[in-house]
């Protein structure tokens, strides 16, 4: 079945309607890539460095900005986000069980919360690639509510969000990111229109390598139009 269907999700019909109503972003597009290979209180993510290299290879300066390790502070990310319609986050995600606005991304000296992102001017927000664990997993205390990081980013303006349903394997993450961005920049400029198809092909390639281990390739999903 995965070979015959390109899946895409939405947390609510309102979020889908807003994503479809937003004007499609034409070139030039700029990308902010944020990575935390080591985060206090969390396990190491050694593949973050090659993952950011894969992402930023498609967005050389000045089209892309990379914030890695000690440079990836909540303050620095908040300052940069409004200027970069595409956002790539390779780090640990934290989810608050009852208040999604307090969920966020573990950065160098603190957590960048959804509430802080929501306060930013993100009128041009287009695509967010959340390469972190369980970014599309809701709270087990509120199983009927789509309270997760991916849904929150779509609600604050990102038309397309690539996220994960459970803990992802660190090692394949650079391959997935590179495959997605290769397809989205195949025309010579970034175009998020076919983000769901790009992720589908990236996951298909990963599934071919690990056909008997769906825990590696199945968690990646796309939210958006």
N, C-alpha and C. Protein backbone atom coordinates (compact mmCIF):
# COMPACT_ATOMS: atom_id res chain seq x y z
N UNK A 1 0.81 -1.22 0.00
CA UNK A 1 0.00 0.00 0.00
C UNK A 1 0.85 1.27 0.00
N UNK A 2 1.95 1.37 0.74
CA UNK A 2 2.74 2.61 0.72
C UNK A 2 3.26 2.97 -0.67
N UNK A 3 3.39 1.99 -1.57
CA UNK A 3 3.87 2.29 -2.91
C UNK A 3 2.80 2.96 -3.77
N UNK A 4 1.55 2.88 -3.37
CA UNK A 4 0.45 3.36 -4.20
C UNK A 4 -0.20 4.63 -3.66
N UNK A 5 0.19 5.05 -2.46
CA UNK A 5 -0.46 6.20 -1.83
C UNK A 5 0.58 7.16 -1.28
N UNK A 6 0.41 8.44 -1.54
CA UNK A 6 1.22 9.48 -0.91
C UNK A 6 0.39 10.08 0.21
N UNK A 7 0.80 9.84 1.43
CA UNK A 7 -0.01 10.25 2.59
C UNK A 7 0.33 11.67 3.03
N UNK A 8 -0.70 12.36 3.48
CA UNK A 8 -0.53 13.68 4.08
C UNK A 8 -1.60 13.84 5.14
N UNK A 9 -1.27 14.56 6.20
CA UNK A 9 -2.16 14.66 7.36
C UNK A 9 -2.41 16.12 7.72
N UNK A 10 -3.40 16.31 8.55
CA UNK A 10 -3.66 17.63 9.12
C UNK A 10 -4.23 17.45 10.52
N UNK A 11 -3.84 18.28 11.48
CA UNK A 11 -4.38 18.15 12.83
C UNK A 11 -5.85 18.54 12.93
N UNK A 12 -6.25 19.53 12.13
CA UNK A 12 -7.65 19.97 12.12
C UNK A 12 -7.99 20.45 10.72
N UNK A 13 -9.29 20.52 10.42
CA UNK A 13 -9.72 21.05 9.13
C UNK A 13 -9.39 22.53 9.02
N UNK A 14 -9.41 23.23 10.14
CA UNK A 14 -9.05 24.65 10.13
C UNK A 14 -7.61 24.84 9.71
N UNK A 15 -6.71 24.02 10.25
CA UNK A 15 -5.31 24.11 9.89
C UNK A 15 -5.11 23.83 8.40
N UNK A 16 -5.82 22.85 7.86
CA UNK A 16 -5.71 22.53 6.44
C UNK A 16 -6.23 23.68 5.58
N UNK A 17 -7.35 24.27 5.99
CA UNK A 17 -7.91 25.39 5.24
C UNK A 17 -6.95 26.57 5.22
N UNK A 18 -6.37 26.88 6.37
CA UNK A 18 -5.42 27.99 6.43
C UNK A 18 -4.21 27.73 5.56
N UNK A 19 -3.72 26.49 5.58
CA UNK A 19 -2.54 26.16 4.77
C UNK A 19 -2.84 26.31 3.29
N UNK A 20 -4.05 25.95 2.88
CA UNK A 20 -4.41 26.06 1.47
C UNK A 20 -4.65 27.50 1.06
N UNK A 21 -5.10 28.32 2.00
CA UNK A 21 -5.38 29.71 1.68
C UNK A 21 -4.14 30.56 1.60
N UNK A 22 -3.06 30.12 2.27
CA UNK A 22 -1.82 30.90 2.27
C UNK A 22 -1.22 30.93 0.88
N UNK A 23 -0.73 32.06 0.47
CA UNK A 23 -0.11 32.21 -0.84
C UNK A 23 1.15 31.36 -0.91
N UNK A 24 1.29 30.63 -2.04
CA UNK A 24 2.49 29.81 -2.20
C UNK A 24 3.72 30.70 -2.34
N UNK A 25 4.79 30.32 -1.66
CA UNK A 25 6.02 31.09 -1.66
C UNK A 25 6.84 30.80 -2.91
N UNK A 26 7.12 31.83 -3.68
CA UNK A 26 7.92 31.68 -4.87
C UNK A 26 9.38 32.02 -4.55
N UNK A 27 10.30 31.60 -5.42
CA UNK A 27 11.71 31.90 -5.16
C UNK A 27 11.95 33.40 -5.18
N UNK A 28 12.96 33.91 -4.47
CA UNK A 28 13.94 33.14 -3.71
C UNK A 28 13.43 32.73 -2.31
N UNK A 29 13.82 31.55 -1.88
CA UNK A 29 13.48 31.03 -0.57
C UNK A 29 14.75 30.85 0.23
N UNK A 30 14.68 31.18 1.52
CA UNK A 30 15.83 31.05 2.41
C UNK A 30 15.52 30.05 3.50
N UNK A 31 16.57 29.35 3.95
CA UNK A 31 16.37 28.30 4.95
C UNK A 31 17.20 28.58 6.19
N UNK A 32 16.56 28.39 7.35
CA UNK A 32 17.25 28.41 8.63
C UNK A 32 17.38 26.96 9.11
N UNK A 33 18.61 26.49 9.31
CA UNK A 33 18.87 25.13 9.76
C UNK A 33 19.47 25.18 11.16
N UNK A 34 18.82 24.51 12.11
CA UNK A 34 19.21 24.54 13.52
C UNK A 34 19.51 23.12 13.97
N UNK A 35 20.66 22.94 14.61
CA UNK A 35 21.03 21.59 15.04
C UNK A 35 21.69 21.56 16.40
N UNK A 36 21.36 20.53 17.18
CA UNK A 36 21.94 20.34 18.50
C UNK A 36 22.49 18.92 18.64
N UNK A 37 23.76 18.70 18.30
CA UNK A 37 24.33 17.35 18.46
C UNK A 37 24.46 16.93 19.91
N UNK A 38 24.63 17.89 20.81
CA UNK A 38 24.73 17.61 22.24
C UNK A 38 23.88 18.63 23.00
N UNK A 39 22.99 18.11 23.84
CA UNK A 39 22.08 18.97 24.58
C UNK A 39 22.07 18.53 26.04
N UNK A 40 22.32 19.44 26.98
CA UNK A 40 22.29 19.06 28.40
C UNK A 40 20.96 18.41 28.78
N UNK A 41 21.05 17.29 29.46
CA UNK A 41 19.86 16.59 29.90
C UNK A 41 19.26 15.65 28.88
N UNK A 42 19.87 15.56 27.72
CA UNK A 42 19.37 14.70 26.66
C UNK A 42 20.52 13.87 26.08
N UNK A 43 20.19 12.80 25.41
CA UNK A 43 21.20 11.98 24.77
C UNK A 43 21.81 12.66 23.57
N UNK A 44 23.04 12.26 23.19
CA UNK A 44 23.70 12.87 22.03
C UNK A 44 23.03 12.47 20.72
N UNK A 45 23.15 13.34 19.73
CA UNK A 45 22.61 13.10 18.40
C UNK A 45 23.76 13.30 17.40
N UNK A 46 24.63 12.30 17.24
CA UNK A 46 25.83 12.46 16.41
C UNK A 46 25.54 12.73 14.93
N UNK A 47 24.36 12.32 14.44
CA UNK A 47 24.06 12.52 13.02
C UNK A 47 23.58 13.93 12.71
N UNK A 48 23.42 14.77 13.74
CA UNK A 48 22.95 16.13 13.50
C UNK A 48 23.90 16.91 12.61
N UNK A 49 25.20 16.77 12.82
CA UNK A 49 26.16 17.53 12.02
C UNK A 49 26.08 17.16 10.55
N UNK A 50 26.13 15.87 10.17
CA UNK A 50 25.96 15.56 8.74
C UNK A 50 24.56 15.88 8.22
N UNK A 51 23.56 15.85 9.09
CA UNK A 51 22.21 16.20 8.65
C UNK A 51 22.13 17.68 8.28
N UNK A 52 22.69 18.53 9.10
CA UNK A 52 22.69 19.95 8.77
C UNK A 52 23.53 20.23 7.53
N UNK A 53 24.61 19.47 7.38
CA UNK A 53 25.42 19.62 6.16
C UNK A 53 24.60 19.26 4.93
N UNK A 54 23.79 18.19 5.04
CA UNK A 54 22.94 17.78 3.93
C UNK A 54 21.89 18.84 3.63
N UNK A 55 21.29 19.40 4.67
CA UNK A 55 20.26 20.42 4.48
C UNK A 55 20.82 21.70 3.88
N UNK A 56 21.91 22.17 4.45
CA UNK A 56 22.46 23.46 4.01
C UNK A 56 23.20 23.37 2.68
N UNK A 57 23.51 22.16 2.24
CA UNK A 57 24.14 22.02 0.92
C UNK A 57 23.23 22.57 -0.18
N UNK A 58 21.94 22.50 0.04
CA UNK A 58 20.98 23.00 -0.93
C UNK A 58 20.68 24.48 -0.74
N UNK A 59 21.20 25.06 0.34
CA UNK A 59 20.97 26.48 0.64
C UNK A 59 22.28 27.14 1.05
N UNK A 60 23.21 27.27 0.13
CA UNK A 60 24.47 27.92 0.50
C UNK A 60 24.24 29.39 0.85
N UNK A 61 25.10 29.92 1.71
CA UNK A 61 24.98 31.33 2.10
C UNK A 61 25.02 32.20 0.84
N UNK A 62 24.24 33.27 0.80
CA UNK A 62 23.39 33.84 1.86
C UNK A 62 21.96 33.29 1.89
N UNK A 63 21.65 32.26 1.08
CA UNK A 63 20.29 31.73 1.06
C UNK A 63 19.99 30.91 2.31
N UNK A 64 21.03 30.44 2.98
CA UNK A 64 20.82 29.62 4.16
C UNK A 64 21.64 30.10 5.34
N UNK A 65 21.11 29.86 6.53
CA UNK A 65 21.81 30.17 7.77
C UNK A 65 21.80 28.93 8.63
N UNK A 66 22.97 28.55 9.15
CA UNK A 66 23.08 27.39 10.02
C UNK A 66 23.44 27.83 11.43
N UNK A 67 22.65 27.36 12.38
CA UNK A 67 22.93 27.60 13.79
C UNK A 67 23.15 26.24 14.43
N UNK A 68 24.37 25.98 14.86
CA UNK A 68 24.75 24.66 15.35
C UNK A 68 25.32 24.75 16.76
N UNK A 69 24.89 23.85 17.63
CA UNK A 69 25.46 23.76 18.97
C UNK A 69 25.28 25.03 19.78
N UNK A 70 26.38 25.59 20.25
CA UNK A 70 26.32 26.77 21.11
C UNK A 70 25.69 27.98 20.42
N UNK A 71 25.70 28.00 19.10
CA UNK A 71 25.07 29.11 18.37
C UNK A 71 23.55 28.99 18.31
N UNK A 72 23.04 27.78 18.60
CA UNK A 72 21.60 27.53 18.48
C UNK A 72 20.89 27.83 19.79
N UNK A 73 20.83 29.07 20.15
CA UNK A 73 20.12 29.49 21.35
C UNK A 73 18.69 29.88 20.98
N UNK A 74 17.76 29.82 21.92
CA UNK A 74 16.41 30.28 21.62
C UNK A 74 16.37 31.71 21.10
N UNK A 75 17.20 32.57 21.66
CA UNK A 75 17.22 33.97 21.23
C UNK A 75 17.66 34.10 19.78
N UNK A 76 18.73 33.35 19.41
CA UNK A 76 19.24 33.42 18.04
C UNK A 76 18.24 32.88 17.04
N UNK A 77 17.58 31.79 17.41
CA UNK A 77 16.60 31.20 16.50
C UNK A 77 15.40 32.13 16.34
N UNK A 78 14.92 32.70 17.43
CA UNK A 78 13.78 33.62 17.35
C UNK A 78 14.11 34.83 16.47
N UNK A 79 15.31 35.30 16.57
CA UNK A 79 15.71 36.45 15.76
C UNK A 79 15.74 36.11 14.28
N UNK A 80 16.13 34.88 13.96
CA UNK A 80 16.32 34.50 12.56
C UNK A 80 15.06 34.01 11.88
N UNK A 81 14.15 33.37 12.62
CA UNK A 81 12.99 32.71 12.01
C UNK A 81 12.21 33.59 11.04
N UNK A 82 11.88 34.86 11.38
CA UNK A 82 11.06 35.65 10.47
C UNK A 82 11.69 35.90 9.10
N UNK A 83 13.00 35.76 8.99
CA UNK A 83 13.68 36.03 7.72
C UNK A 83 13.87 34.79 6.86
N UNK A 84 13.46 33.63 7.36
CA UNK A 84 13.71 32.37 6.65
C UNK A 84 12.42 31.56 6.55
N UNK A 85 11.80 31.55 5.36
CA UNK A 85 10.52 30.84 5.20
C UNK A 85 10.62 29.33 5.43
N UNK A 86 11.81 28.75 5.23
CA UNK A 86 11.99 27.33 5.49
C UNK A 86 12.79 27.16 6.77
N UNK A 87 12.33 26.22 7.59
CA UNK A 87 12.96 25.97 8.88
C UNK A 87 13.27 24.48 9.02
N UNK A 88 14.52 24.17 9.38
CA UNK A 88 14.92 22.78 9.62
C UNK A 88 15.46 22.70 11.05
N UNK A 89 14.82 21.84 11.86
CA UNK A 89 15.22 21.69 13.25
C UNK A 89 15.67 20.25 13.49
N UNK A 90 16.94 20.07 13.83
CA UNK A 90 17.49 18.75 14.16
C UNK A 90 17.94 18.80 15.61
N UNK A 91 17.06 18.36 16.49
CA UNK A 91 17.31 18.49 17.92
C UNK A 91 16.32 17.62 18.67
N UNK A 92 16.34 17.72 19.98
CA UNK A 92 15.34 17.03 20.79
C UNK A 92 14.10 17.91 20.93
N UNK A 93 12.93 17.27 20.86
CA UNK A 93 11.68 17.98 21.08
C UNK A 93 11.16 17.67 22.47
N UNK A 94 10.48 18.63 23.07
CA UNK A 94 9.86 18.41 24.38
C UNK A 94 8.39 18.75 24.26
N UNK A 95 7.53 17.91 24.82
CA UNK A 95 6.10 18.13 24.71
C UNK A 95 5.47 18.23 26.10
N UNK A 96 4.71 19.29 26.27
CA UNK A 96 3.97 19.46 27.52
C UNK A 96 2.67 18.68 27.41
N UNK A 97 2.32 17.88 28.40
CA UNK A 97 1.18 16.96 28.26
C UNK A 97 -0.18 17.63 28.14
N UNK A 98 -0.34 18.84 28.68
CA UNK A 98 -1.66 19.47 28.66
C UNK A 98 -1.67 20.86 28.02
N UNK A 99 -0.52 21.49 27.89
CA UNK A 99 -0.46 22.84 27.33
C UNK A 99 0.51 22.85 26.15
N UNK A 100 0.00 22.73 24.91
CA UNK A 100 0.89 22.66 23.75
C UNK A 100 1.74 23.90 23.55
N UNK A 101 1.31 25.04 24.08
CA UNK A 101 2.10 26.27 23.91
C UNK A 101 3.43 26.19 24.65
N UNK A 102 3.51 25.28 25.65
CA UNK A 102 4.75 25.13 26.41
C UNK A 102 5.63 24.02 25.87
N UNK A 103 5.16 23.34 24.83
CA UNK A 103 6.00 22.37 24.13
C UNK A 103 7.02 23.13 23.30
N UNK A 104 8.12 22.47 22.95
CA UNK A 104 9.11 23.18 22.19
C UNK A 104 10.30 22.33 21.81
N UNK A 105 11.40 23.01 21.52
CA UNK A 105 12.61 22.37 21.02
C UNK A 105 13.77 22.70 21.94
N UNK A 106 14.48 21.67 22.37
CA UNK A 106 15.58 21.84 23.31
C UNK A 106 16.80 22.38 22.58
N UNK A 107 17.19 23.61 22.92
CA UNK A 107 18.32 24.26 22.27
C UNK A 107 19.46 24.44 23.27
N UNK A 108 20.41 25.31 22.93
CA UNK A 108 21.64 25.36 23.70
C UNK A 108 21.46 25.76 25.16
N UNK A 109 20.68 26.78 25.41
CA UNK A 109 20.54 27.24 26.79
C UNK A 109 19.08 27.35 27.21
N UNK A 110 18.24 26.49 26.62
CA UNK A 110 16.84 26.51 27.00
C UNK A 110 15.96 25.93 25.92
N UNK A 111 14.67 25.96 26.18
CA UNK A 111 13.68 25.42 25.24
C UNK A 111 13.02 26.57 24.48
N UNK A 112 12.98 26.44 23.17
CA UNK A 112 12.23 27.38 22.34
C UNK A 112 10.81 26.85 22.24
N UNK A 113 9.88 27.53 22.88
CA UNK A 113 8.51 27.02 22.97
C UNK A 113 7.67 27.43 21.76
N UNK A 114 6.57 26.71 21.60
CA UNK A 114 5.62 27.03 20.55
C UNK A 114 5.05 28.43 20.78
N UNK A 115 4.82 28.79 22.02
CA UNK A 115 4.29 30.12 22.32
C UNK A 115 5.24 31.21 21.84
N UNK A 116 6.54 31.00 22.02
CA UNK A 116 7.52 31.99 21.55
C UNK A 116 7.54 32.07 20.04
N UNK A 117 7.43 30.93 19.37
CA UNK A 117 7.37 30.94 17.91
C UNK A 117 6.11 31.64 17.42
N UNK A 118 5.02 31.42 18.14
CA UNK A 118 3.75 32.01 17.75
C UNK A 118 3.77 33.54 17.84
N UNK A 119 4.62 34.06 18.72
CA UNK A 119 4.72 35.50 18.89
C UNK A 119 5.54 36.17 17.79
N UNK A 120 6.19 35.37 16.96
CA UNK A 120 7.03 35.93 15.91
C UNK A 120 6.20 36.25 14.67
N UNK A 121 6.73 37.15 13.85
CA UNK A 121 6.07 37.48 12.59
C UNK A 121 6.50 36.44 11.56
N UNK A 122 5.60 35.48 11.25
CA UNK A 122 5.95 34.39 10.34
C UNK A 122 5.02 34.38 9.13
N UNK A 123 4.77 35.56 8.57
CA UNK A 123 3.84 35.68 7.45
C UNK A 123 4.30 34.89 6.24
N UNK A 124 5.60 34.73 6.07
CA UNK A 124 6.13 34.02 4.91
C UNK A 124 6.47 32.57 5.22
N UNK A 125 6.10 32.08 6.41
CA UNK A 125 6.43 30.71 6.79
C UNK A 125 5.88 29.73 5.76
N UNK A 126 6.73 28.80 5.33
CA UNK A 126 6.34 27.91 4.25
C UNK A 126 6.53 26.43 4.61
N UNK A 127 7.76 26.03 4.97
CA UNK A 127 8.03 24.63 5.24
C UNK A 127 8.88 24.49 6.50
N UNK A 128 8.45 23.60 7.39
CA UNK A 128 9.22 23.29 8.59
C UNK A 128 9.50 21.79 8.60
N UNK A 129 10.77 21.44 8.69
CA UNK A 129 11.20 20.04 8.75
C UNK A 129 11.64 19.80 10.19
N UNK A 130 10.83 19.05 10.93
CA UNK A 130 11.09 18.81 12.35
C UNK A 130 11.76 17.46 12.51
N UNK A 131 13.07 17.45 12.43
CA UNK A 131 13.83 16.21 12.55
C UNK A 131 14.15 15.97 14.02
N UNK A 132 13.12 15.67 14.75
CA UNK A 132 13.22 15.41 16.18
C UNK A 132 12.23 14.31 16.51
N UNK A 133 12.37 13.71 17.66
CA UNK A 133 11.53 12.56 18.01
C UNK A 133 10.12 12.99 18.42
N UNK A 134 9.14 12.26 17.93
CA UNK A 134 7.75 12.38 18.38
C UNK A 134 7.16 13.78 18.19
N UNK A 135 7.53 14.46 17.11
CA UNK A 135 7.02 15.81 16.90
C UNK A 135 5.57 15.82 16.41
N UNK A 136 5.06 14.66 15.99
CA UNK A 136 3.65 14.57 15.60
C UNK A 136 2.89 13.60 16.50
N UNK A 137 3.38 13.43 17.73
CA UNK A 137 2.74 12.54 18.69
C UNK A 137 1.95 13.37 19.69
N UNK A 138 0.69 13.07 19.84
CA UNK A 138 -0.14 13.80 20.78
C UNK A 138 0.05 13.31 22.20
N UNK A 139 -0.63 13.95 23.11
CA UNK A 139 -0.54 13.60 24.52
C UNK A 139 -1.38 12.36 24.81
N UNK A 140 -0.82 11.43 25.62
CA UNK A 140 -1.59 10.26 26.01
C UNK A 140 -2.69 10.62 27.01
N UNK A 141 -2.61 11.83 27.59
CA UNK A 141 -3.66 12.28 28.50
C UNK A 141 -4.85 12.89 27.76
N UNK A 142 -4.60 13.31 26.50
CA UNK A 142 -5.66 13.91 25.68
C UNK A 142 -5.64 13.23 24.31
N UNK A 143 -6.04 11.96 24.25
CA UNK A 143 -5.90 11.20 23.01
C UNK A 143 -6.76 11.70 21.86
N UNK A 144 -7.80 12.47 22.14
CA UNK A 144 -8.67 12.96 21.08
C UNK A 144 -8.25 14.33 20.54
N UNK A 145 -7.16 14.87 21.06
CA UNK A 145 -6.72 16.19 20.65
C UNK A 145 -5.38 16.10 19.92
N UNK A 146 -5.24 16.89 18.85
CA UNK A 146 -3.99 16.91 18.08
C UNK A 146 -3.04 17.94 18.69
N UNK A 147 -2.58 17.66 19.89
CA UNK A 147 -1.70 18.57 20.59
C UNK A 147 -0.26 18.10 20.43
N UNK A 148 0.38 18.56 19.40
CA UNK A 148 1.77 18.18 19.18
C UNK A 148 2.51 19.31 18.46
N UNK A 149 3.83 19.19 18.39
CA UNK A 149 4.66 20.26 17.84
C UNK A 149 4.36 20.53 16.37
N UNK A 150 4.18 19.47 15.60
CA UNK A 150 3.94 19.66 14.17
C UNK A 150 2.63 20.41 13.93
N UNK A 151 1.58 20.00 14.63
CA UNK A 151 0.30 20.69 14.48
C UNK A 151 0.38 22.14 14.91
N UNK A 152 1.14 22.40 15.96
CA UNK A 152 1.29 23.78 16.43
C UNK A 152 1.99 24.64 15.40
N UNK A 153 3.03 24.11 14.75
CA UNK A 153 3.73 24.90 13.74
C UNK A 153 2.87 25.14 12.51
N UNK A 154 2.03 24.17 12.18
CA UNK A 154 1.13 24.42 11.07
C UNK A 154 0.10 25.49 11.43
N UNK A 155 -0.37 25.45 12.67
CA UNK A 155 -1.36 26.44 13.09
C UNK A 155 -0.78 27.86 13.11
N UNK A 156 0.52 27.99 13.39
CA UNK A 156 1.10 29.34 13.44
C UNK A 156 1.54 29.83 12.07
N UNK A 157 1.36 28.98 11.03
CA UNK A 157 1.58 29.53 9.70
C UNK A 157 2.33 28.69 8.70
N UNK A 158 3.02 27.65 9.10
CA UNK A 158 3.78 26.86 8.14
C UNK A 158 2.83 26.01 7.29
N UNK A 159 2.91 26.18 5.97
CA UNK A 159 2.03 25.45 5.07
C UNK A 159 2.33 23.96 5.08
N UNK A 160 3.60 23.61 5.10
CA UNK A 160 4.03 22.22 5.08
C UNK A 160 4.88 21.94 6.32
N UNK A 161 4.62 20.83 6.97
CA UNK A 161 5.42 20.41 8.11
C UNK A 161 5.77 18.94 7.94
N UNK A 162 7.05 18.62 8.00
CA UNK A 162 7.50 17.24 8.01
C UNK A 162 7.85 16.90 9.46
N UNK A 163 7.29 15.82 9.96
CA UNK A 163 7.41 15.51 11.38
C UNK A 163 7.53 14.01 11.59
N UNK A 164 7.51 13.60 12.86
CA UNK A 164 7.72 12.19 13.19
C UNK A 164 6.69 11.71 14.21
N UNK A 165 6.31 10.45 14.10
CA UNK A 165 5.30 9.89 14.98
C UNK A 165 5.87 9.27 16.24
N UNK A 166 7.16 8.89 16.19
CA UNK A 166 7.79 8.33 17.37
C UNK A 166 9.29 8.60 17.29
N UNK A 167 10.03 7.99 18.20
CA UNK A 167 11.47 8.22 18.25
C UNK A 167 12.12 7.73 16.96
N UNK A 168 12.90 8.58 16.31
CA UNK A 168 13.51 8.21 15.04
C UNK A 168 14.95 7.78 15.25
N UNK A 169 15.43 6.93 14.35
CA UNK A 169 16.83 6.52 14.36
C UNK A 169 17.68 7.70 13.93
N UNK A 170 18.76 7.92 14.63
CA UNK A 170 19.61 9.08 14.36
C UNK A 170 20.37 8.95 13.04
N UNK A 171 20.93 7.78 12.77
CA UNK A 171 21.83 7.59 11.64
C UNK A 171 21.19 7.88 10.27
N UNK A 172 19.94 7.45 10.01
CA UNK A 172 19.37 7.70 8.68
C UNK A 172 18.87 9.13 8.46
N UNK A 173 18.83 9.95 9.48
CA UNK A 173 18.25 11.29 9.35
C UNK A 173 18.91 12.14 8.26
N UNK A 174 20.25 12.13 8.13
CA UNK A 174 20.85 12.92 7.04
C UNK A 174 20.40 12.47 5.66
N UNK A 175 20.23 11.16 5.48
CA UNK A 175 19.77 10.64 4.19
C UNK A 175 18.37 11.13 3.87
N UNK A 176 17.48 11.10 4.85
CA UNK A 176 16.10 11.55 4.63
C UNK A 176 16.08 13.03 4.28
N UNK A 177 16.81 13.83 5.03
CA UNK A 177 16.84 15.27 4.77
C UNK A 177 17.38 15.57 3.38
N UNK A 178 18.48 14.91 3.01
CA UNK A 178 19.09 15.16 1.71
C UNK A 178 18.14 14.76 0.58
N UNK A 179 17.47 13.61 0.73
CA UNK A 179 16.55 13.14 -0.31
C UNK A 179 15.38 14.11 -0.48
N UNK A 180 14.84 14.61 0.63
CA UNK A 180 13.72 15.55 0.55
C UNK A 180 14.14 16.84 -0.13
N UNK A 181 15.24 17.42 0.31
CA UNK A 181 15.67 18.70 -0.26
C UNK A 181 16.16 18.57 -1.70
N UNK A 182 16.71 17.42 -2.05
CA UNK A 182 17.12 17.21 -3.44
C UNK A 182 15.92 17.31 -4.37
N UNK A 183 14.80 16.70 -3.97
CA UNK A 183 13.61 16.77 -4.80
C UNK A 183 12.96 18.16 -4.78
N UNK A 184 12.99 18.81 -3.64
CA UNK A 184 12.33 20.12 -3.54
C UNK A 184 13.13 21.23 -4.21
N UNK A 185 14.38 20.97 -4.54
CA UNK A 185 15.20 21.97 -5.25
C UNK A 185 15.58 21.50 -6.65
N UNK A 186 14.91 20.47 -7.15
CA UNK A 186 15.28 19.87 -8.43
C UNK A 186 15.09 20.82 -9.61
N UNK A 187 14.23 21.82 -9.46
CA UNK A 187 13.99 22.76 -10.55
C UNK A 187 14.99 23.90 -10.58
N UNK A 188 15.94 23.85 -9.68
CA UNK A 188 16.93 24.91 -9.61
C UNK A 188 16.61 25.96 -8.58
N UNK A 189 15.46 25.82 -7.92
CA UNK A 189 15.07 26.72 -6.85
C UNK A 189 14.18 25.94 -5.89
N UNK A 190 14.09 26.36 -4.64
CA UNK A 190 13.27 25.64 -3.66
C UNK A 190 11.78 25.81 -3.94
N UNK A 191 11.05 24.70 -3.93
CA UNK A 191 9.61 24.73 -4.16
C UNK A 191 8.97 23.67 -3.27
N UNK A 192 8.19 24.11 -2.31
CA UNK A 192 7.60 23.19 -1.33
C UNK A 192 6.31 22.54 -1.81
N UNK A 193 5.86 22.86 -3.02
CA UNK A 193 4.55 22.40 -3.49
C UNK A 193 4.39 20.89 -3.33
N UNK A 194 5.42 20.15 -3.64
CA UNK A 194 5.33 18.69 -3.63
C UNK A 194 6.11 18.11 -2.44
N UNK A 195 5.99 18.77 -1.29
CA UNK A 195 6.71 18.30 -0.10
C UNK A 195 6.27 16.90 0.30
N UNK A 196 4.97 16.61 0.21
CA UNK A 196 4.49 15.27 0.57
C UNK A 196 5.09 14.21 -0.34
N UNK A 197 5.18 14.49 -1.64
CA UNK A 197 5.78 13.55 -2.58
C UNK A 197 7.28 13.38 -2.31
N UNK A 198 7.95 14.47 -1.99
CA UNK A 198 9.39 14.40 -1.70
C UNK A 198 9.65 13.50 -0.50
N UNK A 199 8.85 13.68 0.55
CA UNK A 199 9.03 12.82 1.72
C UNK A 199 8.67 11.38 1.39
N UNK A 200 7.64 11.17 0.61
CA UNK A 200 7.23 9.82 0.22
C UNK A 200 8.39 9.08 -0.47
N UNK A 201 9.05 9.75 -1.40
CA UNK A 201 10.16 9.11 -2.10
C UNK A 201 11.35 8.88 -1.17
N UNK A 202 11.60 9.81 -0.26
CA UNK A 202 12.70 9.63 0.69
C UNK A 202 12.44 8.42 1.59
N UNK A 203 11.21 8.28 2.05
CA UNK A 203 10.85 7.15 2.91
C UNK A 203 10.89 5.84 2.12
N UNK A 204 10.48 5.90 0.86
CA UNK A 204 10.53 4.69 0.01
C UNK A 204 11.97 4.20 -0.14
N UNK A 205 12.90 5.12 -0.33
CA UNK A 205 14.30 4.73 -0.43
C UNK A 205 14.80 4.12 0.87
N UNK A 206 14.38 4.69 1.99
CA UNK A 206 14.80 4.17 3.28
C UNK A 206 14.17 2.80 3.54
N UNK A 207 12.92 2.64 3.12
CA UNK A 207 12.24 1.35 3.31
C UNK A 207 12.91 0.25 2.50
N UNK A 208 13.43 0.59 1.34
CA UNK A 208 14.12 -0.40 0.52
C UNK A 208 15.40 -0.90 1.20
N UNK A 209 16.01 -0.04 2.00
CA UNK A 209 17.23 -0.44 2.72
C UNK A 209 16.91 -1.25 3.97
N UNK A 210 15.77 -0.94 4.60
CA UNK A 210 15.39 -1.62 5.85
C UNK A 210 13.96 -2.16 5.74
N UNK A 211 13.72 -3.10 4.82
CA UNK A 211 12.35 -3.56 4.59
C UNK A 211 11.72 -4.25 5.78
N UNK A 212 12.53 -4.80 6.66
CA UNK A 212 12.00 -5.55 7.80
C UNK A 212 12.01 -4.75 9.10
N UNK A 213 12.29 -3.45 9.00
CA UNK A 213 12.36 -2.62 10.21
C UNK A 213 11.58 -1.33 10.02
N UNK A 214 10.25 -1.39 10.07
CA UNK A 214 9.45 -0.18 9.86
C UNK A 214 9.67 0.90 10.90
N UNK A 215 10.22 0.55 12.05
CA UNK A 215 10.48 1.57 13.05
C UNK A 215 11.46 2.62 12.55
N UNK A 216 12.25 2.29 11.53
CA UNK A 216 13.23 3.22 10.98
C UNK A 216 12.59 4.17 9.99
N UNK A 217 11.72 3.65 9.12
CA UNK A 217 11.22 4.50 8.03
C UNK A 217 9.76 4.95 8.19
N UNK A 218 8.98 4.28 9.01
CA UNK A 218 7.55 4.61 9.09
C UNK A 218 7.20 5.86 9.89
N UNK A 219 8.05 6.35 10.79
CA UNK A 219 7.59 7.49 11.62
C UNK A 219 7.46 8.81 10.89
N UNK A 220 8.07 8.96 9.72
CA UNK A 220 8.06 10.26 9.03
C UNK A 220 6.69 10.52 8.38
N UNK A 221 6.12 11.69 8.63
CA UNK A 221 4.85 12.05 8.02
C UNK A 221 4.88 13.51 7.54
N UNK A 222 3.95 13.83 6.65
CA UNK A 222 3.80 15.19 6.15
C UNK A 222 2.44 15.74 6.58
N UNK A 223 2.45 16.98 7.03
CA UNK A 223 1.21 17.69 7.34
C UNK A 223 1.12 18.89 6.41
N UNK A 224 -0.05 19.07 5.82
CA UNK A 224 -0.22 20.23 4.96
C UNK A 224 -1.09 19.93 3.77
N UNK A 225 -1.19 20.89 2.84
CA UNK A 225 -2.06 20.74 1.67
C UNK A 225 -1.46 19.79 0.64
